[in-house]
Amino acid sequence: MPPNGTSAMTNRPAPAADGRVDWVDYAKGICIIMVVMMHSVLGVELAAGQTGFMHLVVMFAKPFRMPDFFLISGLFLPVVIDRDWRTYLDRKVVHFAYFYVIWVTIQFGFKAPAFAAETSWSHAGLMYLEAFIDPFGTLWFIYLLPIFFVVIKATRRLPPVLIWSVAALLETAHVSTGWTAIDEFCARFIYIYSGYLFAHYVFALSDLARVRPRLAMLGLALWALINGGLVALGASEWPLISLALGFSGACAIITTGTLLARMHWLNFFRFCGEHSIVIYLAFFLPMASTRTLLLHSGLIHDIGAISLIVTIVGVIGALAIWWAALALKANFLFERPAAFWIAPKKSGRVLQPAE
């Protein structure tokens, strides 16, 4: 019998009737909160010139924070990979390109005056145009997803072992050109491709964690010791070790998400996972404003506490912006209007924002 969440005919992951898989949403929720935490903590510490206790959490999560996000992003590709190119490009390229254009413009609008003050408005304009060649700020994840999706579909007739091997070599090489799109492609493609290629085994891992929770918790404890130890030793970014920690951390997040879903605990994580793209797009504004306010007010002196508050406000503030946008009929900020679809919507179902 195939694992829950897969098709008996194809061994491909099959979402529930409402289009969602509980542990996937929990895992995505953990991922997006870790992403907000990283940007919040490092931003506060850079501005303050010192570190706090949250720095340890960020460093612990560094080896797997983005690998697990990309691996999970590839899980449902087997379901859609054989769609015609028009539909595939609409769902996997135009969808994310739309949000990138909207939100890079919004982000740049807030930052452009500072850029212009340092150089000139014409240079700031060139920086805006450059954002469409190399991703800007926190939006590089949205920028790279369509590229990954196209590459995976375009190479699906090639031997998977060849693609996987090349991807693994690219990650191990730790490519550093200074161009975000190139460097992050080399570092992350292995994970989204593995999510696509090994989706059946990922769902099997989740099933095992669900039926053997004690074994799962023992595995998590062992992983945490190894991951934390290698980070403390400064070995987490060594070739091959970084790849191993990326995959083991992704498995740990999948296992954690499954255990939380099994117990129905911390449903806020699941809610964040259901709306991960909302948080990812909008967290920069509440994060930056709260950081500036707290650092300049002097109300709190502990850098770790400031970092934690900024993280929480970043997540909740992004959701508040989404709710406000819906209330003000500004749905276009988080929902792609019909005018920007190049293929018809699937009848009888409303697509989730992150699809």
Protein backbone atom coordinates (compact mmCIF):
# COMPACT_ATOMS: atom_id res chain seq x y z
CA MET A 1 0.00 0.00 0.00
CA PRO A 2 1.42 3.42 -0.88
CA PRO A 3 2.00 5.94 1.89
CA ASN A 4 -0.78 8.32 2.86
CA GLY A 5 -0.90 11.31 0.60
CA THR A 6 0.23 9.36 -2.48
CA SER A 7 -1.57 7.87 -5.40
CA ALA A 8 -1.72 4.08 -5.62
CA MET A 9 -1.46 4.31 -9.40
CA THR A 10 1.52 6.64 -9.67
CA ASN A 11 3.13 6.83 -6.22
CA ARG A 12 2.71 10.57 -6.53
CA PRO A 13 1.64 12.80 -3.61
CA ALA A 14 -2.08 13.47 -3.65
CA PRO A 15 -3.47 16.34 -1.56
CA ALA A 16 -6.60 15.97 0.55
CA ALA A 17 -10.03 17.01 -0.67
CA ASP A 18 -9.42 20.61 0.38
CA GLY A 19 -6.12 20.67 -1.51
CA ARG A 20 -3.94 20.66 1.63
CA VAL A 21 -1.79 18.13 3.48
CA ASP A 22 -1.61 18.79 7.21
CA TRP A 23 2.06 18.03 7.88
CA VAL A 24 3.16 19.92 4.77
CA ASP A 25 1.49 23.06 6.09
CA TYR A 26 3.10 22.58 9.50
CA ALA A 27 6.51 22.13 7.88
CA LYS A 28 6.03 25.16 5.65
CA GLY A 29 4.94 27.16 8.71
CA ILE A 30 8.13 26.24 10.55
CA CYS A 31 10.16 27.13 7.45
CA ILE A 32 8.62 30.57 6.89
CA ILE A 33 8.96 31.50 10.56
CA MET A 34 12.63 30.52 10.46
CA VAL A 35 13.10 32.68 7.36
CA VAL A 36 11.50 35.69 9.04
CA MET A 37 13.58 35.00 12.15
CA MET A 38 16.81 34.95 10.16
CA HIS A 39 16.15 38.28 8.45
CA SER A 40 14.88 39.83 11.69
CA VAL A 41 17.72 38.69 13.92
CA LEU A 42 20.56 39.44 11.51
CA GLY A 43 19.03 42.81 10.65
CA VAL A 44 18.77 43.82 14.30
CA GLU A 45 22.29 42.61 15.06
CA LEU A 46 23.76 44.42 12.07
CA ALA A 47 22.05 47.67 13.03
CA ALA A 48 22.99 47.32 16.70
CA GLY A 49 26.53 46.10 16.13
CA GLN A 50 26.16 43.23 18.58
CA THR A 51 24.57 39.81 18.88
CA GLY A 52 21.97 38.37 21.22
CA PHE A 53 20.68 34.96 22.29
CA MET A 54 18.56 34.62 19.13
CA HIS A 55 21.76 34.46 17.11
CA LEU A 56 22.31 30.91 18.37
CA VAL A 57 18.88 29.84 17.09
CA VAL A 58 19.54 31.38 13.68
CA MET A 59 22.93 29.69 13.38
CA PHE A 60 21.47 26.32 14.41
CA ALA A 61 18.86 26.62 11.64
CA LYS A 62 21.24 27.91 8.96
CA PRO A 63 22.22 24.50 7.49
CA PHE A 64 18.60 23.51 6.79
CA ARG A 65 16.50 26.69 6.83
CA MET A 66 16.31 27.07 3.02
CA PRO A 67 16.98 23.43 1.98
CA ASP A 68 13.80 22.27 3.69
CA PHE A 69 11.77 25.08 2.12
CA PHE A 70 12.95 24.15 -1.36
CA LEU A 71 12.57 20.40 -0.81
CA ILE A 72 8.98 20.89 0.29
CA SER A 73 8.40 23.15 -2.72
CA GLY A 74 9.25 20.24 -5.00
CA LEU A 75 6.97 17.65 -3.38
CA PHE A 76 3.91 18.24 -5.53
CA LEU A 77 5.70 18.76 -8.83
CA PRO A 78 5.15 15.10 -9.85
CA VAL A 79 1.42 15.87 -9.92
CA VAL A 80 1.75 18.76 -12.38
CA ILE A 81 4.97 18.09 -14.29
CA ASP A 82 3.15 16.51 -17.26
CA ARG A 83 0.74 19.39 -17.79
CA ASP A 84 0.96 21.18 -21.11
CA TRP A 85 3.54 23.96 -21.16
CA ARG A 86 0.95 26.75 -21.24
CA THR A 87 -0.79 25.57 -18.07
CA TYR A 88 2.49 24.71 -16.39
CA LEU A 89 4.01 28.12 -17.14
CA ASP A 90 0.87 29.84 -15.89
CA ARG A 91 0.88 28.01 -12.54
CA LYS A 92 4.62 27.80 -11.98
CA VAL A 93 6.12 30.83 -13.70
CA VAL A 94 3.60 33.60 -14.37
CA HIS A 95 2.10 33.10 -10.91
CA PHE A 96 5.35 33.81 -9.07
CA ALA A 97 6.55 36.37 -11.60
CA TYR A 98 3.40 38.41 -10.95
CA PHE A 99 4.03 38.52 -7.21
CA TYR A 100 7.70 39.27 -7.70
CA VAL A 101 6.96 42.29 -9.90
CA ILE A 102 4.33 43.64 -7.50
CA TRP A 103 6.36 43.20 -4.34
CA VAL A 104 9.78 44.15 -5.65
CA THR A 105 8.16 47.41 -6.71
CA ILE A 106 6.65 47.88 -3.25
CA GLN A 107 9.89 47.05 -1.46
CA PHE A 108 11.89 49.28 -3.75
CA GLY A 109 9.43 52.11 -3.22
CA PHE A 110 10.25 52.07 0.49
CA LYS A 111 14.00 51.82 -0.02
CA ALA A 112 14.49 54.03 -3.09
CA PRO A 113 14.74 57.36 -1.18
CA ALA A 114 17.66 56.00 0.86
CA PHE A 115 19.34 54.67 -2.27
CA ALA A 116 18.87 57.99 -4.05
CA ALA A 117 20.27 59.91 -1.07
CA GLU A 118 23.44 57.84 -1.22
CA THR A 119 23.91 58.19 -4.99
CA SER A 120 21.21 59.62 -7.26
CA TRP A 121 17.68 58.91 -8.43
CA SER A 122 18.95 57.72 -11.81
CA HIS A 123 21.20 55.18 -10.08
CA ALA A 124 18.27 54.09 -7.91
CA GLY A 125 16.28 53.54 -11.10
CA LEU A 126 19.05 51.37 -12.50
CA MET A 127 19.05 49.37 -9.27
CA TYR A 128 15.31 48.77 -9.72
CA LEU A 129 15.83 47.48 -13.26
CA GLU A 130 18.69 45.30 -12.07
CA ALA A 131 16.26 43.62 -9.67
CA PHE A 132 14.74 41.87 -12.68
CA ILE A 133 18.12 40.38 -13.59
CA ASP A 134 19.25 39.53 -10.08
CA PRO A 135 16.69 39.23 -7.28
CA PHE A 136 16.26 42.10 -4.83
CA GLY A 137 16.30 41.85 -1.05
CA THR A 138 14.26 39.11 0.58
CA LEU A 139 12.45 38.14 -2.64
CA TRP A 140 15.11 35.88 -4.14
CA PHE A 141 13.13 32.75 -3.17
CA ILE A 142 10.13 33.90 -5.26
CA TYR A 143 12.50 34.81 -8.10
CA LEU A 144 14.20 31.42 -8.20
CA LEU A 145 11.16 29.15 -7.89
CA PRO A 146 9.97 29.68 -11.50
CA ILE A 147 13.50 29.07 -12.78
CA PHE A 148 13.70 25.81 -10.87
CA PHE A 149 10.27 24.71 -12.10
CA VAL A 150 11.17 25.35 -15.74
CA VAL A 151 14.52 23.56 -15.46
CA ILE A 152 12.91 20.50 -13.86
CA LYS A 153 10.24 20.22 -16.55
CA ALA A 154 12.69 20.89 -19.37
CA THR A 155 15.05 18.14 -18.14
CA ARG A 156 12.49 15.53 -17.11
CA ARG A 157 13.40 13.28 -20.06
CA LEU A 158 17.06 13.18 -19.02
CA PRO A 159 18.34 10.50 -16.62
CA PRO A 160 17.40 11.64 -13.10
CA VAL A 161 20.66 10.32 -11.68
CA LEU A 162 22.55 12.63 -14.03
CA ILE A 163 20.55 15.72 -13.05
CA TRP A 164 20.76 14.87 -9.35
CA SER A 165 24.51 14.27 -9.52
CA VAL A 166 25.17 17.57 -11.27
CA ALA A 167 22.94 19.37 -8.76
CA ALA A 168 24.80 17.76 -5.86
CA LEU A 169 28.15 18.81 -7.33
CA LEU A 170 26.92 22.38 -7.73
CA GLU A 171 25.91 22.52 -4.05
CA THR A 172 29.18 20.96 -2.94
CA ALA A 173 31.19 23.46 -5.01
CA HIS A 174 29.81 26.37 -2.93
CA VAL A 175 29.71 28.61 -5.99
CA SER A 176 30.23 32.29 -5.17
CA THR A 177 29.99 34.67 -8.11
CA GLY A 178 28.39 37.58 -6.29
CA TRP A 179 25.20 37.15 -8.31
CA THR A 180 22.37 35.97 -6.07
CA ALA A 181 20.46 34.13 -8.81
CA ILE A 182 23.50 32.09 -9.86
CA ASP A 183 24.83 31.37 -6.39
CA GLU A 184 21.48 30.40 -4.91
CA PHE A 185 20.57 28.28 -7.94
CA CYS A 186 23.75 26.27 -7.48
CA ALA A 187 23.21 25.96 -3.73
CA ARG A 188 19.48 25.12 -3.72
CA PHE A 189 18.52 23.27 -6.90
CA ILE A 190 19.54 19.91 -5.42
CA TYR A 191 16.86 20.24 -2.75
CA ILE A 192 13.87 21.15 -4.89
CA TYR A 193 14.87 18.49 -7.42
CA SER A 194 15.16 15.93 -4.62
CA GLY A 195 11.71 16.91 -3.37
CA TYR A 196 10.38 16.27 -6.87
CA LEU A 197 12.37 13.10 -7.46
CA PHE A 198 11.91 11.48 -4.05
CA ALA A 199 8.43 12.72 -3.13
CA HIS A 200 7.25 9.14 -2.56
CA TYR A 201 9.99 8.56 0.03
CA VAL A 202 9.35 11.89 1.73
CA PHE A 203 5.71 10.93 2.25
CA ALA A 204 6.84 7.50 3.44
CA LEU A 205 9.08 9.20 6.02
CA SER A 206 6.11 11.23 7.21
CA ASP A 207 4.00 8.08 7.51
CA LEU A 208 6.71 6.37 9.55
CA ALA A 209 6.94 9.34 11.91
CA ARG A 210 3.17 9.33 12.32
CA VAL A 211 2.98 5.65 13.30
CA ARG A 212 6.28 5.55 15.24
CA PRO A 213 6.34 8.87 17.15
CA ARG A 214 8.80 7.72 19.83
CA LEU A 215 11.29 6.58 17.22
CA ALA A 216 10.75 9.89 15.40
CA MET A 217 11.46 11.91 18.54
CA LEU A 218 14.60 9.87 19.24
CA GLY A 219 15.77 10.56 15.69
CA LEU A 220 15.07 14.28 16.13
CA ALA A 221 17.09 14.39 19.34
CA LEU A 222 20.04 12.67 17.68
CA TRP A 223 19.83 14.99 14.66
CA ALA A 224 19.70 18.09 16.89
CA LEU A 225 22.89 17.01 18.69
CA ILE A 226 24.77 16.34 15.45
CA ASN A 227 23.53 19.48 13.69
CA GLY A 228 24.24 21.68 16.70
CA GLY A 229 27.65 20.13 17.23
CA LEU A 230 28.78 20.64 13.64
CA VAL A 231 27.51 24.23 13.69
CA ALA A 232 29.40 24.90 16.93
CA LEU A 233 32.57 23.43 15.42
CA GLY A 234 32.23 25.60 12.33
CA ALA A 235 32.02 22.54 10.09
CA SER A 236 28.43 22.95 8.89
CA GLU A 237 29.48 24.71 5.67
CA TRP A 238 32.18 22.26 4.67
CA PRO A 239 31.65 20.49 1.33
CA LEU A 240 29.47 17.37 1.61
CA ILE A 241 28.71 18.14 5.26
CA SER A 242 26.58 21.10 4.19
CA LEU A 243 24.71 18.82 1.78
CA ALA A 244 24.20 16.15 4.44
CA LEU A 245 22.98 18.69 6.99
CA GLY A 246 20.65 20.23 4.42
CA PHE A 247 18.95 16.90 3.77
CA SER A 248 18.95 15.74 7.39
CA GLY A 249 17.51 19.07 8.50
CA ALA A 250 14.80 18.87 5.87
CA CYS A 251 13.89 15.39 7.10
CA ALA A 252 13.83 16.74 10.66
CA ILE A 253 11.40 19.51 9.72
CA ILE A 254 9.20 17.01 7.87
CA THR A 255 9.22 14.75 10.93
CA THR A 256 8.48 17.65 13.28
CA GLY A 257 5.63 18.83 11.06
CA THR A 258 4.19 15.33 11.04
CA LEU A 259 4.35 14.98 14.82
CA LEU A 260 2.68 18.37 15.31
CA ALA A 261 -0.03 17.43 12.80
CA ARG A 262 -0.53 14.09 14.56
CA MET A 263 -1.08 15.81 17.91
CA HIS A 264 -2.87 18.86 16.46
CA TRP A 265 -0.49 21.10 18.41
CA LEU A 266 0.63 24.65 17.60
CA ASN A 267 -1.96 25.21 14.90
CA PHE A 268 -0.51 28.68 14.36
CA PHE A 269 2.37 26.99 12.54
CA ARG A 270 -0.09 25.27 10.26
CA PHE A 271 -1.89 28.55 9.58
CA CYS A 272 1.43 30.20 8.74
CA GLY A 273 2.22 27.33 6.40
CA GLU A 274 -1.11 27.69 4.63
CA HIS A 275 -0.28 31.36 4.05
CA SER A 276 3.49 31.12 3.74
CA ILE A 277 3.65 33.19 0.56
CA VAL A 278 1.62 35.95 2.24
CA ILE A 279 4.13 36.11 5.09
CA TYR A 280 7.11 35.87 2.76
CA LEU A 281 5.92 38.74 0.58
CA ALA A 282 4.88 41.18 3.31
CA PHE A 283 7.02 40.58 6.40
CA PHE A 284 9.75 43.04 5.39
CA LEU A 285 7.67 46.13 6.23
CA PRO A 286 6.59 45.29 9.83
CA MET A 287 10.01 43.76 10.43
CA ALA A 288 11.98 46.83 9.33
CA SER A 289 9.68 49.35 11.00
CA THR A 290 9.66 47.47 14.33
CA ARG A 291 13.44 47.10 14.26
CA THR A 292 13.91 50.81 13.68
CA LEU A 293 11.40 51.74 16.37
CA LEU A 294 12.85 49.49 19.07
CA LEU A 295 16.50 50.32 18.38
CA HIS A 296 15.91 54.06 18.34
CA SER A 297 13.48 54.21 21.25
CA GLY A 298 15.81 52.53 23.76
CA LEU A 299 12.83 50.91 25.48
CA ILE A 300 14.49 47.49 25.37
CA HIS A 301 18.23 47.01 25.71
CA ASP A 302 18.58 43.26 25.26
CA ILE A 303 19.39 42.53 21.60
CA GLY A 304 18.00 39.01 21.82
CA ALA A 305 14.67 40.27 23.14
CA ILE A 306 14.50 42.92 20.40
CA SER A 307 15.24 40.27 17.77
CA LEU A 308 12.50 38.00 19.13
CA ILE A 309 9.94 40.82 19.15
CA VAL A 310 10.88 41.86 15.62
CA THR A 311 10.44 38.25 14.46
CA ILE A 312 7.00 37.96 16.03
CA VAL A 313 5.85 41.31 14.66
CA GLY A 314 7.23 40.39 11.24
CA VAL A 315 5.06 37.28 11.05
CA ILE A 316 1.90 38.71 12.60
CA GLY A 317 2.35 42.04 10.83
CA ALA A 318 2.52 40.32 7.44
CA LEU A 319 -0.74 38.53 8.16
CA ALA A 320 -2.27 41.83 9.32
CA ILE A 321 -1.27 43.45 6.01
CA TRP A 322 -2.94 40.57 4.18
CA TRP A 323 -6.15 40.91 6.22
CA ALA A 324 -6.14 44.67 5.64
CA ALA A 325 -5.63 44.18 1.91
CA LEU A 326 -8.61 41.85 1.74
CA ALA A 327 -10.74 44.26 3.77
CA LEU A 328 -9.77 47.16 1.49
CA LYS A 329 -10.43 45.10 -1.67
CA ALA A 330 -6.72 45.23 -2.54
CA ASN A 331 -6.71 41.50 -3.22
CA PHE A 332 -4.33 41.97 -6.13
CA LEU A 333 -1.48 42.21 -3.63
CA PHE A 334 -1.86 38.54 -2.70
CA GLU A 335 -4.14 37.06 -5.36
CA ARG A 336 -3.30 37.10 -9.05
CA PRO A 337 -6.08 38.86 -11.01
CA ALA A 338 -7.71 37.04 -13.91
CA ALA A 339 -6.08 39.46 -16.37
CA PHE A 340 -2.69 37.94 -15.53
CA TRP A 341 -3.66 34.32 -16.16
CA ILE A 342 -2.49 32.76 -19.42
CA ALA A 343 -4.33 29.48 -18.84
CA PRO A 344 -7.84 28.94 -17.41
CA LYS A 345 -8.31 28.21 -13.74
CA LYS A 346 -9.25 24.69 -12.80
CA SER A 347 -13.02 24.69 -12.41
CA GLY A 348 -14.55 24.03 -9.04
CA ARG A 349 -11.47 24.90 -7.03
CA VAL A 350 -9.85 28.12 -5.97
CA LEU A 351 -6.07 27.93 -6.12
CA GLN A 352 -4.16 28.57 -2.93
CA PRO A 353 -1.91 31.69 -3.12
CA ALA A 354 1.28 29.62 -3.13
CA GLU A 355 0.29 27.26 -5.95
